[in-house]
Amino acid sequence: SALMTHPAVVECAITGVPDDVRGMVVKATVVLSKDYKDKAGEDLVKELQNHVKHVTAPYKYPRIIEFVNELPKTI
């Protein structure tokens, strides 16, 4: 929900992925708004991570962010 408050994010899915050091880390799969699609990159990743750190506890930020065109959905 913290990530959804950023204007770049249309929708997102949060999952845990294995990590050699931490065991598991938070991954965010993000669909960007049309105004931010051309800004996808490391700068936007850092911006989204910092946004989450300010909205919620800093340790909860997604360490991995992947940008996609759409999220898979079921009926």
N, C-alpha and C. Protein backbone atom coordinates (compact mmCIF):
# COMPACT_ATOMS: atom_id res chain seq x y z
N SER A 1 0.83 -1.20 0.00
CA SER A 1 0.00 0.00 0.00
C SER A 1 0.87 1.26 0.00
N ALA A 2 2.05 1.20 0.60
CA ALA A 2 2.95 2.36 0.61
C ALA A 2 3.39 2.70 -0.81
N LEU A 3 3.67 1.71 -1.59
CA LEU A 3 4.12 1.93 -2.97
C LEU A 3 2.99 2.50 -3.83
N MET A 4 1.77 2.10 -3.57
CA MET A 4 0.62 2.56 -4.35
C MET A 4 0.35 4.05 -4.16
N THR A 5 0.90 4.68 -3.13
CA THR A 5 0.68 6.11 -2.92
C THR A 5 1.59 6.99 -3.77
N HIS A 6 2.52 6.39 -4.48
CA HIS A 6 3.40 7.16 -5.38
C HIS A 6 2.69 7.36 -6.72
N PRO A 7 2.74 8.56 -7.29
CA PRO A 7 2.02 8.83 -8.54
C PRO A 7 2.49 8.02 -9.75
N ALA A 8 3.67 7.43 -9.69
CA ALA A 8 4.16 6.63 -10.80
C ALA A 8 3.51 5.26 -10.88
N VAL A 9 2.95 4.79 -9.76
CA VAL A 9 2.49 3.41 -9.66
C VAL A 9 0.98 3.31 -9.94
N VAL A 10 0.64 2.52 -10.97
CA VAL A 10 -0.76 2.24 -11.28
C VAL A 10 -1.21 1.03 -10.48
N GLU A 11 -0.39 -0.01 -10.50
CA GLU A 11 -0.65 -1.19 -9.68
C GLU A 11 0.67 -1.91 -9.45
N CYS A 12 0.69 -2.75 -8.42
CA CYS A 12 1.92 -3.47 -8.11
C CYS A 12 1.58 -4.78 -7.40
N ALA A 13 2.54 -5.66 -7.44
CA ALA A 13 2.47 -6.92 -6.71
C ALA A 13 3.75 -7.05 -5.90
N ILE A 14 3.62 -7.46 -4.66
CA ILE A 14 4.77 -7.62 -3.78
C ILE A 14 4.96 -9.10 -3.48
N THR A 15 6.18 -9.57 -3.66
CA THR A 15 6.50 -10.97 -3.40
C THR A 15 7.83 -11.04 -2.66
N GLY A 16 8.10 -12.18 -2.10
CA GLY A 16 9.40 -12.47 -1.51
C GLY A 16 10.20 -13.30 -2.48
N VAL A 17 11.47 -13.00 -2.59
CA VAL A 17 12.36 -13.79 -3.45
C VAL A 17 13.58 -14.22 -2.63
N PRO A 18 14.11 -15.39 -2.92
CA PRO A 18 15.27 -15.88 -2.18
C PRO A 18 16.48 -14.95 -2.33
N ASP A 19 17.24 -14.83 -1.25
CA ASP A 19 18.44 -14.01 -1.25
C ASP A 19 19.51 -14.76 -0.46
N ASP A 20 20.72 -14.83 -1.01
CA ASP A 20 21.80 -15.58 -0.37
C ASP A 20 22.18 -15.02 0.99
N VAL A 21 22.11 -13.71 1.17
CA VAL A 21 22.53 -13.07 2.42
C VAL A 21 21.39 -12.99 3.43
N ARG A 22 20.22 -12.52 2.97
CA ARG A 22 19.11 -12.24 3.89
C ARG A 22 18.09 -13.37 4.00
N GLY A 23 18.21 -14.37 3.18
CA GLY A 23 17.22 -15.45 3.17
C GLY A 23 16.11 -15.14 2.18
N MET A 24 15.39 -14.03 2.41
CA MET A 24 14.35 -13.55 1.50
C MET A 24 14.42 -12.03 1.47
N VAL A 25 14.08 -11.45 0.32
CA VAL A 25 13.96 -10.00 0.20
C VAL A 25 12.64 -9.67 -0.48
N VAL A 26 12.21 -8.44 -0.29
CA VAL A 26 10.96 -7.97 -0.89
C VAL A 26 11.22 -7.54 -2.33
N LYS A 27 10.36 -8.04 -3.25
CA LYS A 27 10.41 -7.65 -4.65
C LYS A 27 9.08 -7.01 -5.01
N ALA A 28 9.13 -5.88 -5.69
CA ALA A 28 7.93 -5.21 -6.18
C ALA A 28 7.91 -5.29 -7.70
N THR A 29 6.82 -5.79 -8.23
CA THR A 29 6.59 -5.79 -9.66
C THR A 29 5.60 -4.67 -9.93
N VAL A 30 6.00 -3.68 -10.71
CA VAL A 30 5.26 -2.43 -10.80
C VAL A 30 4.81 -2.13 -12.23
N VAL A 31 3.53 -1.74 -12.35
CA VAL A 31 3.00 -1.19 -13.59
C VAL A 31 3.03 0.33 -13.42
N LEU A 32 3.72 1.00 -14.32
CA LEU A 32 3.87 2.45 -14.23
C LEU A 32 2.73 3.19 -14.93
N SER A 33 2.43 4.39 -14.44
CA SER A 33 1.48 5.25 -15.13
C SER A 33 2.12 5.72 -16.43
N LYS A 34 1.29 6.15 -17.37
CA LYS A 34 1.82 6.53 -18.69
C LYS A 34 2.82 7.67 -18.60
N ASP A 35 2.67 8.54 -17.61
CA ASP A 35 3.59 9.67 -17.46
C ASP A 35 4.98 9.24 -17.00
N TYR A 36 5.10 8.06 -16.44
CA TYR A 36 6.38 7.59 -15.90
C TYR A 36 7.00 6.46 -16.72
N LYS A 37 6.31 5.94 -17.72
CA LYS A 37 6.83 4.80 -18.48
C LYS A 37 8.20 5.07 -19.08
N ASP A 38 8.42 6.28 -19.56
CA ASP A 38 9.71 6.61 -20.17
C ASP A 38 10.79 6.90 -19.13
N LYS A 39 10.43 6.94 -17.86
CA LYS A 39 11.38 7.20 -16.79
C LYS A 39 11.83 5.94 -16.06
N ALA A 40 11.36 4.77 -16.54
CA ALA A 40 11.73 3.50 -15.89
C ALA A 40 13.25 3.34 -15.95
N GLY A 41 13.84 3.09 -14.79
CA GLY A 41 15.29 2.92 -14.72
C GLY A 41 15.75 3.03 -13.28
N GLU A 42 17.04 3.07 -13.08
CA GLU A 42 17.61 3.08 -11.74
C GLU A 42 17.20 4.30 -10.91
N ASP A 43 17.07 5.45 -11.56
CA ASP A 43 16.66 6.64 -10.81
C ASP A 43 15.26 6.49 -10.24
N LEU A 44 14.35 5.93 -11.04
CA LEU A 44 12.98 5.73 -10.56
C LEU A 44 12.94 4.63 -9.51
N VAL A 45 13.76 3.60 -9.65
CA VAL A 45 13.85 2.56 -8.62
C VAL A 45 14.22 3.19 -7.29
N LYS A 46 15.25 4.02 -7.28
CA LYS A 46 15.69 4.69 -6.04
C LYS A 46 14.59 5.60 -5.49
N GLU A 47 13.91 6.31 -6.38
CA GLU A 47 12.83 7.19 -5.95
C GLU A 47 11.71 6.40 -5.27
N LEU A 48 11.33 5.28 -5.87
CA LEU A 48 10.27 4.45 -5.28
C LEU A 48 10.72 3.83 -3.96
N GLN A 49 11.96 3.38 -3.90
CA GLN A 49 12.47 2.82 -2.65
C GLN A 49 12.48 3.88 -1.54
N ASN A 50 12.93 5.07 -1.85
CA ASN A 50 12.95 6.15 -0.86
C ASN A 50 11.54 6.55 -0.44
N HIS A 51 10.62 6.53 -1.38
CA HIS A 51 9.23 6.84 -1.06
C HIS A 51 8.68 5.85 -0.03
N VAL A 52 8.92 4.57 -0.25
CA VAL A 52 8.44 3.55 0.69
C VAL A 52 9.10 3.73 2.06
N LYS A 53 10.39 4.04 2.07
CA LYS A 53 11.10 4.27 3.34
C LYS A 53 10.49 5.41 4.14
N HIS A 54 9.98 6.43 3.45
CA HIS A 54 9.39 7.58 4.14
C HIS A 54 7.94 7.33 4.56
N VAL A 55 7.23 6.47 3.82
CA VAL A 55 5.82 6.21 4.13
C VAL A 55 5.67 5.15 5.21
N THR A 56 6.58 4.21 5.26
CA THR A 56 6.50 3.11 6.22
C THR A 56 7.88 2.89 6.85
N ALA A 57 8.03 1.83 7.59
CA ALA A 57 9.32 1.54 8.24
C ALA A 57 10.40 1.34 7.16
N PRO A 58 11.56 1.96 7.34
CA PRO A 58 12.62 1.90 6.32
C PRO A 58 13.05 0.48 5.92
N TYR A 59 13.01 -0.45 6.84
CA TYR A 59 13.46 -1.81 6.49
C TYR A 59 12.47 -2.55 5.58
N LYS A 60 11.28 -2.02 5.38
CA LYS A 60 10.26 -2.70 4.58
C LYS A 60 10.35 -2.38 3.08
N TYR A 61 11.28 -1.55 2.68
CA TYR A 61 11.32 -1.14 1.27
C TYR A 61 11.67 -2.32 0.36
N PRO A 62 11.16 -2.31 -0.88
CA PRO A 62 11.49 -3.39 -1.82
C PRO A 62 12.93 -3.25 -2.30
N ARG A 63 13.70 -4.27 -2.09
CA ARG A 63 15.10 -4.24 -2.52
C ARG A 63 15.23 -4.50 -4.02
N ILE A 64 14.21 -5.12 -4.60
CA ILE A 64 14.18 -5.37 -6.04
C ILE A 64 12.89 -4.76 -6.58
N ILE A 65 13.01 -3.99 -7.66
CA ILE A 65 11.83 -3.45 -8.33
C ILE A 65 11.94 -3.78 -9.81
N GLU A 66 10.87 -4.40 -10.31
CA GLU A 66 10.80 -4.76 -11.73
C GLU A 66 9.62 -4.02 -12.34
N PHE A 67 9.84 -3.40 -13.49
CA PHE A 67 8.77 -2.70 -14.19
C PHE A 67 8.21 -3.60 -15.28
N VAL A 68 6.87 -3.71 -15.32
CA VAL A 68 6.20 -4.53 -16.34
C VAL A 68 5.07 -3.72 -16.95
N ASN A 69 4.57 -4.18 -18.09
CA ASN A 69 3.46 -3.50 -18.76
C ASN A 69 2.11 -3.83 -18.12
N GLU A 70 2.00 -5.05 -17.59
CA GLU A 70 0.77 -5.45 -16.91
C GLU A 70 1.06 -6.61 -15.97
N LEU A 71 0.19 -6.74 -14.97
CA LEU A 71 0.30 -7.86 -14.03
C LEU A 71 -0.60 -8.98 -14.51
N PRO A 72 -0.19 -10.23 -14.34
CA PRO A 72 -1.08 -11.33 -14.70
C PRO A 72 -2.29 -11.36 -13.77
N LYS A 73 -3.43 -11.68 -14.33
CA LYS A 73 -4.66 -11.72 -13.55
C LYS A 73 -5.42 -13.00 -13.86
N THR A 74 -6.20 -13.43 -12.91
CA THR A 74 -7.07 -14.58 -13.11
C THR A 74 -8.51 -14.10 -13.20
N ILE A 75 -9.37 -14.98 -13.63
CA ILE A 75 -10.79 -14.64 -13.72
C ILE A 75 -11.32 -14.40 -12.34
